[in-house]
Amino acid sequence: MATARGGTLRSQWLGQQLRELRDAQGVLLKEAAEYLQRDPATISRYETGFYPIRRPDLLALLDLYRVSDPQRREALLKLSQDVWQKGWWDGYAQDVAGSMIDFVWLETHATHIMSFAAIVVPGLLQTPAYAAKILRINEPDATPEQIERWLELRMARQRVLDDENPPRLSVILDEAVLHREIGSPEIMASQLTHLAEYAAKPHLDISVVPFRARTPAGTYGSFEIFELPDPFPEVAYTETMAGALYLESPDAERFLRTYDGHKTVALKPAASTELISAMAEKWR
């Protein structure tokens, strides 16, 4: 599903499952509301993810919907707990769009992040100088204070790669990313050196689609795919000037096929690192 305005991704996931369970049992919205002694509009808000459900109400609905499987119940309760749980990223909720808070939550919870970058280096691998220049390019009317706050969030996101149990990060770069000057030659040399150093980490692999490669699997822009632990679905993300779009399985499958297609024409990681290092030297 694509996210709607209102709740977070995880509250929408929980609401979607509650709606499916209610429909499967043939329970009307007003019947569920009477069972909880609540207004039908409240149940509707639970199901749209506009308002997260509390644990007592969730337990009652699971009984009403005859969800007896212990694993299914535990998964839904875990999801409900995660809906309410706050993370460090929520401290930036007043500074960025809600879609970015969802994005940071996905980065923090993912077991595997797959990224295709057609224009610039992905945020998790950007140096501060490179990231600051991109923020100023994309938000020319922002104040210095706003840029500083957004940059702070971007750098804080990168800590996930140094966690005790970091996600696997697989990045495919179009070769144009290595040639496109962001800021200055000095910034580019530092950024590409940083990329080459990170490519040596065991949980990272970076591949480059060279100019001489045959046509990639698609000519659309950059995107990310997040593999998450149960009970969460696989999620694809792409961003436009009109806003961010999140798609969960099975709608995310097209992104995965495109990613795999790009990988078939990309250089192997070792050859990619050599190319990145060579380009860093050219920028010096």
C-alpha atoms as a PDB file:
ATOM      1  CA  MET A   1       0.000   0.000   0.000  1.00  0.00           C
ATOM      2  CA  ALA A   2       1.041   3.604  -0.453  1.00  0.00           C
ATOM      3  CA  THR A   3       1.067   5.618   2.734  1.00  0.00           C
ATOM      4  CA  ALA A   4      -1.652   8.122   3.380  1.00  0.00           C
ATOM      5  CA  ARG A   5      -1.629  11.276   5.440  1.00  0.00           C
ATOM      6  CA  GLY A   6      -2.286  10.736   9.119  1.00  0.00           C
ATOM      7  CA  GLY A   7      -0.551   7.866  10.904  1.00  0.00           C
ATOM      8  CA  THR A   8       2.865   6.365  10.691  1.00  0.00           C
ATOM      9  CA  LEU A   9       3.716   3.408   8.489  1.00  0.00           C
ATOM     10  CA  ARG A  10       3.560   0.985  11.398  1.00  0.00           C
ATOM     11  CA  SER A  11       0.166   2.263  12.612  1.00  0.00           C
ATOM     12  CA  GLN A  12      -1.171   1.866   9.075  1.00  0.00           C
ATOM     13  CA  TRP A  13       0.176  -1.702   8.907  1.00  0.00           C
ATOM     14  CA  LEU A  14      -1.533  -2.577  12.167  1.00  0.00           C
ATOM     15  CA  GLY A  15      -4.773  -0.933  11.093  1.00  0.00           C
ATOM     16  CA  GLN A  16      -4.743  -2.788   7.778  1.00  0.00           C
ATOM     17  CA  GLN A  17      -4.400  -6.126   9.572  1.00  0.00           C
ATOM     18  CA  LEU A  18      -7.193  -5.281  11.997  1.00  0.00           C
ATOM     19  CA  ARG A  19      -9.484  -4.396   9.103  1.00  0.00           C
ATOM     20  CA  GLU A  20      -8.640  -7.674   7.334  1.00  0.00           C
ATOM     21  CA  LEU A  21      -9.330  -9.670  10.505  1.00  0.00           C
ATOM     22  CA  ARG A  22     -12.683  -7.936  11.020  1.00  0.00           C
ATOM     23  CA  ASP A  23     -13.720  -8.523   7.414  1.00  0.00           C
ATOM     24  CA  ALA A  24     -12.677 -12.194   7.620  1.00  0.00           C
ATOM     25  CA  GLN A  25     -15.026 -12.704  10.563  1.00  0.00           C
ATOM     26  CA  GLY A  26     -17.871 -10.720   8.989  1.00  0.00           C
ATOM     27  CA  VAL A  27     -17.943  -8.277  11.903  1.00  0.00           C
ATOM     28  CA  LEU A  28     -19.436  -4.879  11.117  1.00  0.00           C
ATOM     29  CA  LEU A  29     -17.679  -1.685  12.173  1.00  0.00           C
ATOM     30  CA  LYS A  30     -20.520  -0.787  14.521  1.00  0.00           C
ATOM     31  CA  GLU A  31     -20.420  -4.261  16.082  1.00  0.00           C
ATOM     32  CA  ALA A  32     -16.720  -3.920  16.849  1.00  0.00           C
ATOM     33  CA  ALA A  33     -17.409  -0.483  18.300  1.00  0.00           C
ATOM     34  CA  GLU A  34     -20.178  -1.822  20.540  1.00  0.00           C
ATOM     35  CA  TYR A  35     -17.899  -4.625  21.731  1.00  0.00           C
ATOM     36  CA  LEU A  36     -15.247  -2.109  22.799  1.00  0.00           C
ATOM     37  CA  GLN A  37     -17.896   0.369  23.975  1.00  0.00           C
ATOM     38  CA  ARG A  38     -16.454   2.970  21.656  1.00  0.00           C
ATOM     39  CA  ASP A  39     -17.598   5.144  18.795  1.00  0.00           C
ATOM     40  CA  PRO A  40     -17.484   3.548  15.287  1.00  0.00           C
ATOM     41  CA  ALA A  41     -15.336   6.488  14.205  1.00  0.00           C
ATOM     42  CA  THR A  42     -12.693   5.406  16.731  1.00  0.00           C
ATOM     43  CA  ILE A  43     -12.562   1.905  15.226  1.00  0.00           C
ATOM     44  CA  SER A  44     -12.295   3.472  11.782  1.00  0.00           C
ATOM     45  CA  ARG A  45      -9.349   5.586  12.937  1.00  0.00           C
ATOM     46  CA  TYR A  46      -7.669   2.446  14.300  1.00  0.00           C
ATOM     47  CA  GLU A  47      -8.084   0.718  10.948  1.00  0.00           C
ATOM     48  CA  THR A  48      -6.810   3.627   8.863  1.00  0.00           C
ATOM     49  CA  GLY A  49      -3.826   4.043  11.158  1.00  0.00           C
ATOM     50  CA  PHE A  50      -4.816   7.633  11.896  1.00  0.00           C
ATOM     51  CA  TYR A  51      -4.802   6.824  15.604  1.00  0.00           C
ATOM     52  CA  PRO A  52      -2.859   3.889  17.121  1.00  0.00           C
ATOM     53  CA  ILE A  53      -4.776   1.343  19.149  1.00  0.00           C
ATOM     54  CA  ARG A  54      -3.995   0.731  22.832  1.00  0.00           C
ATOM     55  CA  ARG A  55      -3.039  -2.740  24.022  1.00  0.00           C
ATOM     56  CA  PRO A  56      -6.289  -3.463  26.005  1.00  0.00           C
ATOM     57  CA  ASP A  57      -8.440  -2.606  22.992  1.00  0.00           C
ATOM     58  CA  LEU A  58      -6.215  -4.667  20.713  1.00  0.00           C
ATOM     59  CA  LEU A  59      -6.452  -7.710  22.974  1.00  0.00           C
ATOM     60  CA  ALA A  60     -10.235  -7.353  23.054  1.00  0.00           C
ATOM     61  CA  LEU A  61     -10.466  -7.138  19.259  1.00  0.00           C
ATOM     62  CA  LEU A  62      -8.208 -10.163  18.819  1.00  0.00           C
ATOM     63  CA  ASP A  63     -10.636 -12.111  20.998  1.00  0.00           C
ATOM     64  CA  LEU A  64     -13.618 -10.785  19.038  1.00  0.00           C
ATOM     65  CA  TYR A  65     -11.957 -11.697  15.732  1.00  0.00           C
ATOM     66  CA  ARG A  66     -11.081 -15.174  17.068  1.00  0.00           C
ATOM     67  CA  VAL A  67      -7.335 -14.824  16.630  1.00  0.00           C
ATOM     68  CA  SER A  68      -6.204 -17.812  18.689  1.00  0.00           C
ATOM     69  CA  ASP A  69      -2.817 -18.542  17.119  1.00  0.00           C
ATOM     70  CA  PRO A  70      -0.216 -17.489  19.749  1.00  0.00           C
ATOM     71  CA  GLN A  71       2.358 -16.410  17.178  1.00  0.00           C
ATOM     72  CA  ARG A  72      -0.126 -14.244  15.283  1.00  0.00           C
ATOM     73  CA  ARG A  73      -1.330 -12.632  18.497  1.00  0.00           C
ATOM     74  CA  GLU A  74       2.228 -11.981  19.651  1.00  0.00           C
ATOM     75  CA  ALA A  75       3.188 -10.481  16.294  1.00  0.00           C
ATOM     76  CA  LEU A  76       0.258  -8.059  16.384  1.00  0.00           C
ATOM     77  CA  LEU A  77       0.957  -7.126  19.996  1.00  0.00           C
ATOM     78  CA  LYS A  78       4.595  -6.509  19.121  1.00  0.00           C
ATOM     79  CA  LEU A  79       3.545  -4.304  16.233  1.00  0.00           C
ATOM     80  CA  SER A  80       1.190  -2.392  18.522  1.00  0.00           C
ATOM     81  CA  GLN A  81       4.002  -1.847  21.014  1.00  0.00           C
ATOM     82  CA  ASP A  82       6.259  -0.549  18.258  1.00  0.00           C
ATOM     83  CA  VAL A  83       3.576   1.888  17.126  1.00  0.00           C
ATOM     84  CA  TRP A  84       3.684   3.589  20.513  1.00  0.00           C
ATOM     85  CA  GLN A  85       7.407   3.291  21.152  1.00  0.00           C
ATOM     86  CA  LYS A  86       9.417   6.452  20.660  1.00  0.00           C
ATOM     87  CA  GLY A  87      12.911   6.473  19.172  1.00  0.00           C
ATOM     88  CA  TRP A  88      15.703   9.040  18.977  1.00  0.00           C
ATOM     89  CA  TRP A  89      14.443  10.098  15.536  1.00  0.00           C
ATOM     90  CA  ASP A  90      11.166  11.388  16.986  1.00  0.00           C
ATOM     91  CA  GLY A  91      13.149  14.309  18.388  1.00  0.00           C
ATOM     92  CA  TYR A  92      13.325  15.614  14.806  1.00  0.00           C
ATOM     93  CA  ALA A  93       9.601  15.257  14.091  1.00  0.00           C
ATOM     94  CA  GLN A  94       9.067  19.033  14.196  1.00  0.00           C
ATOM     95  CA  ASP A  95      11.942  19.652  11.786  1.00  0.00           C
ATOM     96  CA  VAL A  96      11.186  17.266   8.922  1.00  0.00           C
ATOM     97  CA  ALA A  97       8.214  15.811   7.080  1.00  0.00           C
ATOM     98  CA  GLY A  98       6.509  12.829   8.680  1.00  0.00           C
ATOM     99  CA  SER A  99       7.563  10.699   5.723  1.00  0.00           C
ATOM    100  CA  MET A 100      11.221  11.210   6.695  1.00  0.00           C
ATOM    101  CA  ILE A 101      10.552  10.020  10.252  1.00  0.00           C
ATOM    102  CA  ASP A 102       9.076   6.854   8.731  1.00  0.00           C
ATOM    103  CA  PHE A 103      12.172   6.552   6.538  1.00  0.00           C
ATOM    104  CA  VAL A 104      14.527   6.783   9.528  1.00  0.00           C
ATOM    105  CA  TRP A 105      12.399   4.237  11.396  1.00  0.00           C
ATOM    106  CA  LEU A 106      12.763   1.849   8.451  1.00  0.00           C
ATOM    107  CA  GLU A 107      16.544   2.324   8.380  1.00  0.00           C
ATOM    108  CA  THR A 108      16.726   1.616  12.095  1.00  0.00           C
ATOM    109  CA  HIS A 109      14.634  -1.562  11.934  1.00  0.00           C
ATOM    110  CA  ALA A 110      15.721  -3.041   8.600  1.00  0.00           C
ATOM    111  CA  THR A 111      17.764  -6.222   8.367  1.00  0.00           C
ATOM    112  CA  HIS A 112      18.792  -5.416   4.783  1.00  0.00           C
ATOM    113  CA  ILE A 113      18.703  -2.100   2.926  1.00  0.00           C
ATOM    114  CA  MET A 114      19.044  -2.115  -0.848  1.00  0.00           C
ATOM    115  CA  SER A 115      19.644   1.235  -2.507  1.00  0.00           C
ATOM    116  CA  PHE A 116      19.906   2.302  -6.144  1.00  0.00           C
ATOM    117  CA  ALA A 117      21.377   5.785  -6.560  1.00  0.00           C
ATOM    118  CA  ALA A 118      21.166   7.500  -9.939  1.00  0.00           C
ATOM    119  CA  ILE A 119      22.021  11.093  -8.979  1.00  0.00           C
ATOM    120  CA  VAL A 120      23.921  11.347  -5.668  1.00  0.00           C
ATOM    121  CA  VAL A 121      25.454   9.113  -3.003  1.00  0.00           C
ATOM    122  CA  PRO A 122      22.800   7.668  -0.627  1.00  0.00           C
ATOM    123  CA  GLY A 123      22.346   9.531   2.654  1.00  0.00           C
ATOM    124  CA  LEU A 124      23.758   6.757   4.833  1.00  0.00           C
ATOM    125  CA  LEU A 125      27.113   7.091   3.058  1.00  0.00           C
ATOM    126  CA  GLN A 126      27.376  10.864   2.629  1.00  0.00           C
ATOM    127  CA  THR A 127      30.106  12.949   4.219  1.00  0.00           C
ATOM    128  CA  PRO A 128      28.946  16.042   6.161  1.00  0.00           C
ATOM    129  CA  ALA A 129      30.221  18.483   3.505  1.00  0.00           C
ATOM    130  CA  TYR A 130      28.614  16.536   0.643  1.00  0.00           C
ATOM    131  CA  ALA A 131      25.324  16.182   2.549  1.00  0.00           C
ATOM    132  CA  ALA A 132      25.216  19.882   3.462  1.00  0.00           C
ATOM    133  CA  LYS A 133      25.670  20.889  -0.172  1.00  0.00           C
ATOM    134  CA  ILE A 134      22.852  18.575  -1.291  1.00  0.00           C
ATOM    135  CA  LEU A 135      20.519  19.969   1.374  1.00  0.00           C
ATOM    136  CA  ARG A 136      21.240  23.521   0.212  1.00  0.00           C
ATOM    137  CA  ILE A 137      20.652  22.548  -3.436  1.00  0.00           C
ATOM    138  CA  ASN A 138      17.316  20.877  -2.694  1.00  0.00           C
ATOM    139  CA  GLU A 139      16.098  23.488  -0.192  1.00  0.00           C
ATOM    140  CA  PRO A 140      17.389  26.872  -1.432  1.00  0.00           C
ATOM    141  CA  ASP A 141      14.948  28.824   0.767  1.00  0.00           C
ATOM    142  CA  ALA A 142      15.877  27.035   4.014  1.00  0.00           C
ATOM    143  CA  THR A 143      17.512  28.975   6.822  1.00  0.00           C
ATOM    144  CA  PRO A 144      21.005  28.071   8.034  1.00  0.00           C
ATOM    145  CA  GLU A 145      19.394  26.754  11.214  1.00  0.00           C
ATOM    146  CA  GLN A 146      17.124  24.423   9.241  1.00  0.00           C
ATOM    147  CA  ILE A 147      20.038  23.141   7.159  1.00  0.00           C
ATOM    148  CA  GLU A 148      22.027  22.508  10.331  1.00  0.00           C
ATOM    149  CA  ARG A 149      19.152  20.570  11.902  1.00  0.00           C
ATOM    150  CA  TRP A 150      18.566  18.436   8.790  1.00  0.00           C
ATOM    151  CA  LEU A 151      22.285  17.759   8.502  1.00  0.00           C
ATOM    152  CA  GLU A 152      22.363  16.707  12.146  1.00  0.00           C
ATOM    153  CA  LEU A 153      19.602  14.183  11.469  1.00  0.00           C
ATOM    154  CA  ARG A 154      21.340  12.847   8.361  1.00  0.00           C
ATOM    155  CA  MET A 155      24.583  12.282  10.249  1.00  0.00           C
ATOM    156  CA  ALA A 156      22.734  10.700  13.194  1.00  0.00           C
ATOM    157  CA  ARG A 157      21.101   8.230  10.799  1.00  0.00           C
ATOM    158  CA  GLN A 158      24.507   6.903   9.828  1.00  0.00           C
ATOM    159  CA  ARG A 159      25.120   5.530  13.313  1.00  0.00           C
ATOM    160  CA  VAL A 160      22.986   2.531  12.362  1.00  0.00           C
ATOM    161  CA  LEU A 161      25.883   1.254  10.233  1.00  0.00           C
ATOM    162  CA  ASP A 162      28.134   1.111  13.293  1.00  0.00           C
ATOM    163  CA  ASP A 163      25.643  -0.630  15.595  1.00  0.00           C
ATOM    164  CA  GLU A 164      26.493  -3.948  17.212  1.00  0.00           C
ATOM    165  CA  ASN A 165      24.068  -5.640  14.806  1.00  0.00           C
ATOM    166  CA  PRO A 166      23.976  -3.324  11.787  1.00  0.00           C
ATOM    167  CA  PRO A 167      21.736  -3.945   8.794  1.00  0.00           C
ATOM    168  CA  ARG A 168      23.269  -5.273   5.631  1.00  0.00           C
ATOM    169  CA  LEU A 169      23.588  -2.388   3.186  1.00  0.00           C
ATOM    170  CA  SER A 170      23.756  -3.083  -0.552  1.00  0.00           C
ATOM    171  CA  VAL A 171      24.218  -0.042  -2.771  1.00  0.00           C
ATOM    172  CA  ILE A 172      24.227   0.215  -6.563  1.00  0.00           C
ATOM    173  CA  LEU A 173      25.522   3.508  -7.942  1.00  0.00           C
ATOM    174  CA  ASP A 174      25.180   4.747 -11.468  1.00  0.00           C
ATOM    175  CA  GLU A 175      28.665   5.792 -12.604  1.00  0.00           C
ATOM    176  CA  ALA A 176      27.304   9.316 -13.119  1.00  0.00           C
ATOM    177  CA  VAL A 177      27.243   9.701  -9.322  1.00  0.00           C
ATOM    178  CA  LEU A 178      31.052   9.497  -9.323  1.00  0.00           C
ATOM    179  CA  HIS A 179      31.413  12.173 -12.023  1.00  0.00           C
ATOM    180  CA  ARG A 180      28.779  14.661 -10.874  1.00  0.00           C
ATOM    181  CA  GLU A 181      30.453  17.476  -8.955  1.00  0.00           C
ATOM    182  CA  ILE A 182      28.667  18.269  -5.719  1.00  0.00           C
ATOM    183  CA  GLY A 183      30.159  21.321  -4.061  1.00  0.00           C
ATOM    184  CA  SER A 184      33.795  21.196  -5.138  1.00  0.00           C
ATOM    185  CA  PRO A 185      36.527  18.781  -6.262  1.00  0.00           C
ATOM    186  CA  GLU A 186      37.733  18.607  -2.660  1.00  0.00           C
ATOM    187  CA  ILE A 187      34.295  17.574  -1.441  1.00  0.00           C
ATOM    188  CA  MET A 188      34.057  14.951  -4.178  1.00  0.00           C
ATOM    189  CA  ALA A 189      37.501  13.502  -3.437  1.00  0.00           C
ATOM    190  CA  SER A 190      36.655  13.214   0.241  1.00  0.00           C
ATOM    191  CA  GLN A 191      33.237  11.695  -0.496  1.00  0.00           C
ATOM    192  CA  LEU A 192      34.548   9.038  -2.864  1.00  0.00           C
ATOM    193  CA  THR A 193      37.404   8.160  -0.517  1.00  0.00           C
ATOM    194  CA  HIS A 194      34.812   7.731   2.219  1.00  0.00           C
ATOM    195  CA  LEU A 195      32.811   5.430  -0.072  1.00  0.00           C
ATOM    196  CA  ALA A 196      35.828   3.273  -0.851  1.00  0.00           C
ATOM    197  CA  GLU A 197      36.654   2.942   2.853  1.00  0.00           C
ATOM    198  CA  TYR A 198      33.105   1.924   3.755  1.00  0.00           C
ATOM    199  CA  ALA A 199      33.033  -0.624   0.945  1.00  0.00           C
ATOM    200  CA  ALA A 200      35.558  -2.660   2.951  1.00  0.00           C
ATOM    201  CA  LYS A 201      33.112  -3.203   5.818  1.00  0.00           C
ATOM    202  CA  PRO A 202      31.775  -6.780   5.951  1.00  0.00           C
ATOM    203  CA  HIS A 203      28.089  -5.794   6.051  1.00  0.00           C
ATOM    204  CA  LEU A 204      28.359  -3.393   3.088  1.00  0.00           C
ATOM    205  CA  ASP A 205      28.655  -3.975  -0.621  1.00  0.00           C
ATOM    206  CA  ILE A 206      28.843  -1.196  -3.176  1.00  0.00           C
ATOM    207  CA  SER A 207      28.516  -1.795  -6.923  1.00  0.00           C
ATOM    208  CA  VAL A 208      28.749   0.636  -9.819  1.00  0.00           C
ATOM    209  CA  VAL A 209      26.821   0.454 -13.097  1.00  0.00           C
ATOM    210  CA  PRO A 210      29.481   1.692 -15.554  1.00  0.00           C
ATOM    211  CA  PHE A 211      28.740   3.913 -18.523  1.00  0.00           C
ATOM    212  CA  ARG A 212      29.813   1.122 -20.845  1.00  0.00           C
ATOM    213  CA  ALA A 213      27.220  -1.306 -19.411  1.00  0.00           C
ATOM    214  CA  ARG A 214      24.237  -2.249 -21.499  1.00  0.00           C
ATOM    215  CA  THR A 215      20.913  -0.579 -20.752  1.00  0.00           C
ATOM    216  CA  PRO A 216      19.957  -0.938 -17.071  1.00  0.00           C
ATOM    217  CA  ALA A 217      16.763  -2.663 -15.976  1.00  0.00           C
ATOM    218  CA  GLY A 218      14.899   0.632 -15.866  1.00  0.00           C
ATOM    219  CA  THR A 219      15.397   4.324 -16.510  1.00  0.00           C
ATOM    220  CA  TYR A 220      13.525   5.516 -13.433  1.00  0.00           C
ATOM    221  CA  GLY A 221      15.329   7.299 -10.613  1.00  0.00           C
ATOM    222  CA  SER A 222      16.730   6.384  -7.229  1.00  0.00           C
ATOM    223  CA  PHE A 223      14.942   4.147  -4.731  1.00  0.00           C
ATOM    224  CA  GLU A 224      15.426   2.064  -1.604  1.00  0.00           C
ATOM    225  CA  ILE A 225      14.094  -1.332  -0.556  1.00  0.00           C
ATOM    226  CA  PHE A 226      13.881  -2.299   3.111  1.00  0.00           C
ATOM    227  CA  GLU A 227      13.742  -5.897   4.293  1.00  0.00           C
ATOM    228  CA  LEU A 228      12.267  -5.975   7.798  1.00  0.00           C
ATOM    229  CA  PRO A 229      11.823  -8.674  10.446  1.00  0.00           C
ATOM    230  CA  ASP A 230       8.405 -10.185  11.139  1.00  0.00           C
ATOM    231  CA  PRO A 231       5.694  -8.967  11.377  1.00  0.00           C
ATOM    232  CA  PHE A 232       6.627  -6.137   9.024  1.00  0.00           C
ATOM    233  CA  PRO A 233       6.388  -6.347   5.217  1.00  0.00           C
ATOM    234  CA  GLU A 234       9.089  -5.563   2.691  1.00  0.00           C
ATOM    235  CA  VAL A 235       8.918  -1.858   1.803  1.00  0.00           C
ATOM    236  CA  ALA A 236      10.087   0.115  -1.227  1.00  0.00           C
ATOM    237  CA  TYR A 237      10.642   3.861  -1.095  1.00  0.00           C
ATOM    238  CA  THR A 238      11.053   6.468  -3.790  1.00  0.00           C
ATOM    239  CA  GLU A 239      11.061  10.239  -3.548  1.00  0.00           C
ATOM    240  CA  THR A 240       9.875  12.957  -5.905  1.00  0.00           C
ATOM    241  CA  MET A 241       9.450  16.730  -5.647  1.00  0.00           C
ATOM    242  CA  ALA A 242       5.771  15.989  -4.996  1.00  0.00           C
ATOM    243  CA  GLY A 243       6.599  13.897  -1.946  1.00  0.00           C
ATOM    244  CA  ALA A 244       7.691  10.453  -0.808  1.00  0.00           C
ATOM    245  CA  LEU A 245       6.031   7.189  -1.775  1.00  0.00           C
ATOM    246  CA  TYR A 246       6.153   3.959   0.222  1.00  0.00           C
ATOM    247  CA  LEU A 247       4.985   0.667  -1.254  1.00  0.00           C
ATOM    248  CA  GLU A 248       4.820  -2.624   0.587  1.00  0.00           C
ATOM    249  CA  SER A 249       4.820  -6.167  -0.769  1.00  0.00           C
ATOM    250  CA  PRO A 250       3.592  -7.272  -3.258  1.00  0.00           C
ATOM    251  CA  ASP A 251       3.731  -3.779  -4.824  1.00  0.00           C
ATOM    252  CA  ALA A 252       7.402  -3.558  -3.844  1.00  0.00           C
ATOM    253  CA  GLU A 253       8.258  -6.500  -6.101  1.00  0.00           C
ATOM    254  CA  ARG A 254       8.740  -4.278  -9.154  1.00  0.00           C
ATOM    255  CA  PHE A 255      11.420  -2.334  -7.315  1.00  0.00           C
ATOM    256  CA  LEU A 256      13.163  -5.549  -6.314  1.00  0.00           C
ATOM    257  CA  ARG A 257      13.135  -6.835  -9.906  1.00  0.00           C
ATOM    258  CA  THR A 258      14.584  -3.536 -11.115  1.00  0.00           C
ATOM    259  CA  TYR A 259      17.258  -3.610  -8.421  1.00  0.00           C
ATOM    260  CA  ASP A 260      18.240  -7.160  -9.372  1.00  0.00           C
ATOM    261  CA  GLY A 261      18.312  -6.118 -13.023  1.00  0.00           C
ATOM    262  CA  HIS A 262      20.648  -3.220 -12.269  1.00  0.00           C
ATOM    263  CA  LYS A 263      22.896  -5.591 -10.353  1.00  0.00           C
ATOM    264  CA  THR A 264      23.324  -7.876 -13.373  1.00  0.00           C
ATOM    265  CA  VAL A 265      24.952  -5.032 -15.345  1.00  0.00           C
ATOM    266  CA  ALA A 266      26.951  -3.587 -12.443  1.00  0.00           C
ATOM    267  CA  LEU A 267      30.624  -4.196 -11.766  1.00  0.00           C
ATOM    268  CA  LYS A 268      31.489  -6.617  -8.982  1.00  0.00           C
ATOM    269  CA  PRO A 269      32.173  -4.963  -5.602  1.00  0.00           C
ATOM    270  CA  ALA A 270      35.978  -5.272  -5.873  1.00  0.00           C
ATOM    271  CA  ALA A 271      36.051  -3.714  -9.348  1.00  0.00           C
ATOM    272  CA  SER A 272      33.581  -1.060  -8.204  1.00  0.00           C
ATOM    273  CA  THR A 273      35.825  -0.085  -5.286  1.00  0.00           C
ATOM    274  CA  GLU A 274      38.769   0.226  -7.668  1.00  0.00           C
ATOM    275  CA  LEU A 275      36.733   2.534  -9.911  1.00  0.00           C
ATOM    276  CA  ILE A 276      35.564   4.632  -6.959  1.00  0.00           C
ATOM    277  CA  SER A 277      39.143   4.981  -5.666  1.00  0.00           C
ATOM    278  CA  ALA A 278      40.407   5.934  -9.121  1.00  0.00           C
ATOM    279  CA  MET A 279      37.726   8.606  -9.429  1.00  0.00           C
ATOM    280  CA  ALA A 280      38.622   9.936  -5.964  1.00  0.00           C
ATOM    281  CA  GLU A 281      42.180  10.420  -7.201  1.00  0.00           C
ATOM    282  CA  LYS A 282      40.959  12.237 -10.317  1.00  0.00           C
ATOM    283  CA  TRP A 283      39.019  14.690  -8.140  1.00  0.00           C
ATOM    284  CA  ARG A 284      42.120  15.560  -6.096  1.00  0.00           C
END
